[in-house]
Every structure is written in C-alpha cells, then in structure tokens.
Amino acid sequence: MTLKRDKKREIVRKQLMEKEQETTHSLVSKFSKEMINLIQAKEREVL
C-alpha cells in the first residue's frame, strides 16, 4: 500500500512540476515578447 501511495504522490508531484514549468515558460515568453516590442518602439522613437 505504501509503495502505491508513494508512487501516486511522485506522479502527482511530477505533474504539478511540469504544469508549473509550462506556466513559467509561457510567462517568460510573453514578457520577453513585450520587452522586445518595447525596445523596438523606443528604437523607432530615437531614429
């Protein structure tokens, strides 16, 4: 019983970690695109 429970916990923990990584990845991608757009806008203002 303990082995099954431990295995289930490990699977759930792994799934949670993967979901957090996906969320982090999407946020980083979103903010990096926004920063690139802001930098390009400032470059256009200067030029």
PDB file of N, CA and C in Angstrom:
ATOM      1  N   MET A   1       0.825  -1.199   0.000  1.00  0.00           N
ATOM      2  CA  MET A   1       0.000   0.000   0.000  1.00  0.00           C
ATOM      3  C   MET A   1       0.869   1.263   0.000  1.00  0.00           C
ATOM      4  N   THR A   2       1.894   1.265   0.805  1.00  0.00           N
ATOM      5  CA  THR A   2       2.760   2.433   0.899  1.00  0.00           C
ATOM      6  C   THR A   2       3.472   2.697  -0.425  1.00  0.00           C
ATOM      7  N   LEU A   3       3.888   1.655  -1.102  1.00  0.00           N
ATOM      8  CA  LEU A   3       4.563   1.832  -2.384  1.00  0.00           C
ATOM      9  C   LEU A   3       3.633   2.459  -3.413  1.00  0.00           C
ATOM     10  N   LYS A   4       2.387   2.010  -3.434  1.00  0.00           N
ATOM     11  CA  LYS A   4       1.409   2.584  -4.365  1.00  0.00           C
ATOM     12  C   LYS A   4       1.181   4.056  -4.052  1.00  0.00           C
ATOM     13  N   ARG A   5       1.037   4.347  -2.768  1.00  0.00           N
ATOM     14  CA  ARG A   5       0.793   5.727  -2.351  1.00  0.00           C
ATOM     15  C   ARG A   5       1.988   6.610  -2.707  1.00  0.00           C
ATOM     16  N   ASP A   6       3.178   6.117  -2.436  1.00  0.00           N
ATOM     17  CA  ASP A   6       4.390   6.867  -2.762  1.00  0.00           C
ATOM     18  C   ASP A   6       4.503   7.102  -4.263  1.00  0.00           C
ATOM     19  N   LYS A   7       4.191   6.079  -5.029  1.00  0.00           N
ATOM     20  CA  LYS A   7       4.245   6.195  -6.494  1.00  0.00           C
ATOM     21  C   LYS A   7       3.239   7.239  -6.976  1.00  0.00           C
ATOM     22  N   LYS A   8       2.027   7.198  -6.418  1.00  0.00           N
ATOM     23  CA  LYS A   8       0.984   8.156  -6.798  1.00  0.00           C
ATOM     24  C   LYS A   8       1.414   9.581  -6.436  1.00  0.00           C
ATOM     25  N   ARG A   9       1.970   9.743  -5.253  1.00  0.00           N
ATOM     26  CA  ARG A   9       2.446  11.070  -4.836  1.00  0.00           C
ATOM     27  C   ARG A   9       3.529  11.581  -5.775  1.00  0.00           C
ATOM     28  N   GLU A  10       4.419  10.699  -6.141  1.00  0.00           N
ATOM     29  CA  GLU A  10       5.507  11.076  -7.044  1.00  0.00           C
ATOM     30  C   GLU A  10       4.952  11.507  -8.398  1.00  0.00           C
ATOM     31  N   ILE A  11       3.970  10.768  -8.901  1.00  0.00           N
ATOM     32  CA  ILE A  11       3.351  11.108 -10.188  1.00  0.00           C
ATOM     33  C   ILE A  11       2.659  12.462 -10.099  1.00  0.00           C
ATOM     34  N   VAL A  12       1.901  12.678  -9.026  1.00  0.00           N
ATOM     35  CA  VAL A  12       1.192  13.947  -8.847  1.00  0.00           C
ATOM     36  C   VAL A  12       2.187  15.096  -8.724  1.00  0.00           C
ATOM     37  N   ARG A  13       3.259  14.874  -7.953  1.00  0.00           N
ATOM     38  CA  ARG A  13       4.284  15.914  -7.783  1.00  0.00           C
ATOM     39  C   ARG A  13       4.937  16.255  -9.119  1.00  0.00           C
ATOM     40  N   LYS A  14       5.215  15.230  -9.897  1.00  0.00           N
ATOM     41  CA  LYS A  14       5.840  15.433 -11.205  1.00  0.00           C
ATOM     42  C   LYS A  14       4.910  16.207 -12.143  1.00  0.00           C
ATOM     43  N   GLN A  15       3.618  15.858 -12.128  1.00  0.00           N
ATOM     44  CA  GLN A  15       2.645  16.558 -12.967  1.00  0.00           C
ATOM     45  C   GLN A  15       2.536  18.018 -12.559  1.00  0.00           C
ATOM     46  N   LEU A  16       2.535  18.275 -11.254  1.00  0.00           N
ATOM     47  CA  LEU A  16       2.458  19.642 -10.754  1.00  0.00           C
ATOM     48  C   LEU A  16       3.680  20.440 -11.196  1.00  0.00           C
ATOM     49  N   MET A  17       4.843  19.822 -11.098  1.00  0.00           N
ATOM     50  CA  MET A  17       6.077  20.485 -11.500  1.00  0.00           C
ATOM     51  C   MET A  17       6.067  20.799 -12.995  1.00  0.00           C
ATOM     52  N   GLU A  18       5.592  19.863 -13.805  1.00  0.00           N
ATOM     53  CA  GLU A  18       5.517  20.091 -15.250  1.00  0.00           C
ATOM     54  C   GLU A  18       4.565  21.239 -15.564  1.00  0.00           C
ATOM     55  N   LYS A  19       3.439  21.292 -14.859  1.00  0.00           N
ATOM     56  CA  LYS A  19       2.478  22.371 -15.079  1.00  0.00           C
ATOM     57  C   LYS A  19       3.088  23.721 -14.701  1.00  0.00           C
ATOM     58  N   GLU A  20       3.812  23.756 -13.583  1.00  0.00           N
ATOM     59  CA  GLU A  20       4.480  24.988 -13.171  1.00  0.00           C
ATOM     60  C   GLU A  20       5.521  25.413 -14.197  1.00  0.00           C
ATOM     61  N   GLN A  21       6.256  24.458 -14.739  1.00  0.00           N
ATOM     62  CA  GLN A  21       7.259  24.772 -15.754  1.00  0.00           C
ATOM     63  C   GLN A  21       6.605  25.329 -17.011  1.00  0.00           C
ATOM     64  N   GLU A  22       5.484  24.756 -17.417  1.00  0.00           N
ATOM     65  CA  GLU A  22       4.774  25.254 -18.596  1.00  0.00           C
ATOM     66  C   GLU A  22       4.280  26.672 -18.359  1.00  0.00           C
ATOM     67  N   THR A  23       3.742  26.918 -17.164  1.00  0.00           N
ATOM     68  CA  THR A  23       3.255  28.253 -16.823  1.00  0.00           C
ATOM     69  C   THR A  23       4.400  29.255 -16.838  1.00  0.00           C
ATOM     70  N   THR A  24       5.512  28.887 -16.241  1.00  0.00           N
ATOM     71  CA  THR A  24       6.681  29.761 -16.211  1.00  0.00           C
ATOM     72  C   THR A  24       7.170  30.041 -17.628  1.00  0.00           C
ATOM     73  N   HIS A  25       7.222  29.012 -18.442  1.00  0.00           N
ATOM     74  CA  HIS A  25       7.675  29.168 -19.826  1.00  0.00           C
ATOM     75  C   HIS A  25       6.771  30.134 -20.583  1.00  0.00           C
ATOM     76  N   SER A  26       5.468  29.988 -20.427  1.00  0.00           N
ATOM     77  CA  SER A  26       4.557  30.868 -21.157  1.00  0.00           C
ATOM     78  C   SER A  26       4.678  32.310 -20.673  1.00  0.00           C
ATOM     79  N   LEU A  27       4.858  32.503 -19.364  1.00  0.00           N
ATOM     80  CA  LEU A  27       5.024  33.860 -18.841  1.00  0.00           C
ATOM     81  C   LEU A  27       6.322  34.494 -19.338  1.00  0.00           C
ATOM     82  N   VAL A  28       7.399  33.737 -19.318  1.00  0.00           N
ATOM     83  CA  VAL A  28       8.685  34.255 -19.790  1.00  0.00           C
ATOM     84  C   VAL A  28       8.586  34.610 -21.267  1.00  0.00           C
ATOM     85  N   SER A  29       7.950  33.764 -22.052  1.00  0.00           N
ATOM     86  CA  SER A  29       7.786  34.039 -23.484  1.00  0.00           C
ATOM     87  C   SER A  29       6.974  35.307 -23.697  1.00  0.00           C
ATOM     88  N   LYS A  30       5.881  35.426 -22.961  1.00  0.00           N
ATOM     89  CA  LYS A  30       5.006  36.596 -23.091  1.00  0.00           C
ATOM     90  C   LYS A  30       5.767  37.879 -22.747  1.00  0.00           C
ATOM     91  N   PHE A  31       6.458  37.874 -21.595  1.00  0.00           N
ATOM     92  CA  PHE A  31       7.150  39.079 -21.164  1.00  0.00           C
ATOM     93  C   PHE A  31       8.343  39.401 -22.057  1.00  0.00           C
ATOM     94  N   SER A  32       9.015  38.391 -22.576  1.00  0.00           N
ATOM     95  CA  SER A  32      10.141  38.675 -23.463  1.00  0.00           C
ATOM     96  C   SER A  32       9.648  39.295 -24.769  1.00  0.00           C
ATOM     97  N   LYS A  33       8.514  38.827 -25.277  1.00  0.00           N
ATOM     98  CA  LYS A  33       7.942  39.433 -26.488  1.00  0.00           C
ATOM     99  C   LYS A  33       7.549  40.882 -26.226  1.00  0.00           C
ATOM    100  N   GLU A  34       6.956  41.131 -25.047  1.00  0.00           N
ATOM    101  CA  GLU A  34       6.587  42.502 -24.696  1.00  0.00           C
ATOM    102  C   GLU A  34       7.822  43.391 -24.603  1.00  0.00           C
ATOM    103  N   MET A  35       8.888  42.882 -23.996  1.00  0.00           N
ATOM    104  CA  MET A  35      10.116  43.667 -23.876  1.00  0.00           C
ATOM    105  C   MET A  35      10.717  43.958 -25.247  1.00  0.00           C
ATOM    106  N   ILE A  36      10.716  42.974 -26.122  1.00  0.00           N
ATOM    107  CA  ILE A  36      11.239  43.184 -27.476  1.00  0.00           C
ATOM    108  C   ILE A  36      10.425  44.261 -28.182  1.00  0.00           C
ATOM    109  N   ASN A  37       9.105  44.202 -28.039  1.00  0.00           N
ATOM    110  CA  ASN A  37       8.250  45.212 -28.663  1.00  0.00           C
ATOM    111  C   ASN A  37       8.530  46.598 -28.095  1.00  0.00           C
ATOM    112  N   LEU A  38       8.712  46.692 -26.775  1.00  0.00           N
ATOM    113  CA  LEU A  38       9.010  47.987 -26.163  1.00  0.00           C
ATOM    114  C   LEU A  38      10.363  48.524 -26.631  1.00  0.00           C
ATOM    115  N   ILE A  39      11.348  47.654 -26.713  1.00  0.00           N
ATOM    116  CA  ILE A  39      12.676  48.067 -27.179  1.00  0.00           C
ATOM    117  C   ILE A  39      12.604  48.549 -28.621  1.00  0.00           C
ATOM    118  N   GLN A  40      11.879  47.819 -29.461  1.00  0.00           N
ATOM    119  CA  GLN A  40      11.745  48.217 -30.861  1.00  0.00           C
ATOM    120  C   GLN A  40      11.005  49.546 -30.983  1.00  0.00           C
ATOM    121  N   ALA A  41       9.996  49.759 -30.144  1.00  0.00           N
ATOM    122  CA  ALA A  41       9.262  51.026 -30.169  1.00  0.00           C
ATOM    123  C   ALA A  41      10.187  52.181 -29.782  1.00  0.00           C
ATOM    124  N   LYS A  42      11.001  51.982 -28.753  1.00  0.00           N
ATOM    125  CA  LYS A  42      11.946  53.031 -28.340  1.00  0.00           C
ATOM    126  C   LYS A  42      12.980  53.294 -29.430  1.00  0.00           C
ATOM    127  N   GLU A  43      13.451  52.239 -30.088  1.00  0.00           N
ATOM    128  CA  GLU A  43      14.411  52.420 -31.178  1.00  0.00           C
ATOM    129  C   GLU A  43      13.793  53.255 -32.293  1.00  0.00           C
ATOM    130  N   ARG A  44      12.529  52.996 -32.596  1.00  0.00           N
ATOM    131  CA  ARG A  44      11.854  53.773 -33.643  1.00  0.00           C
ATOM    132  C   ARG A  44      11.714  55.234 -33.239  1.00  0.00           C
ATOM    133  N   GLU A  45      11.462  55.481 -31.938  1.00  0.00           N
ATOM    134  CA  GLU A  45      11.355  56.861 -31.456  1.00  0.00           C
ATOM    135  C   GLU A  45      12.691  57.590 -31.615  1.00  0.00           C
ATOM    136  N   VAL A  46      13.770  56.909 -31.284  1.00  0.00           N
ATOM    137  CA  VAL A  46      15.096  57.522 -31.331  1.00  0.00           C
ATOM    138  C   VAL A  46      15.512  57.785 -32.772  1.00  0.00           C
ATOM    139  N   LEU A  47      15.205  56.846 -33.640  1.00  0.00           N
ATOM    140  CA  LEU A  47      15.595  57.016 -35.037  1.00  0.00           C
ATOM    141  C   LEU A  47      14.576  57.882 -35.693  1.00  0.00           C
TER     142      LEU A  47
END
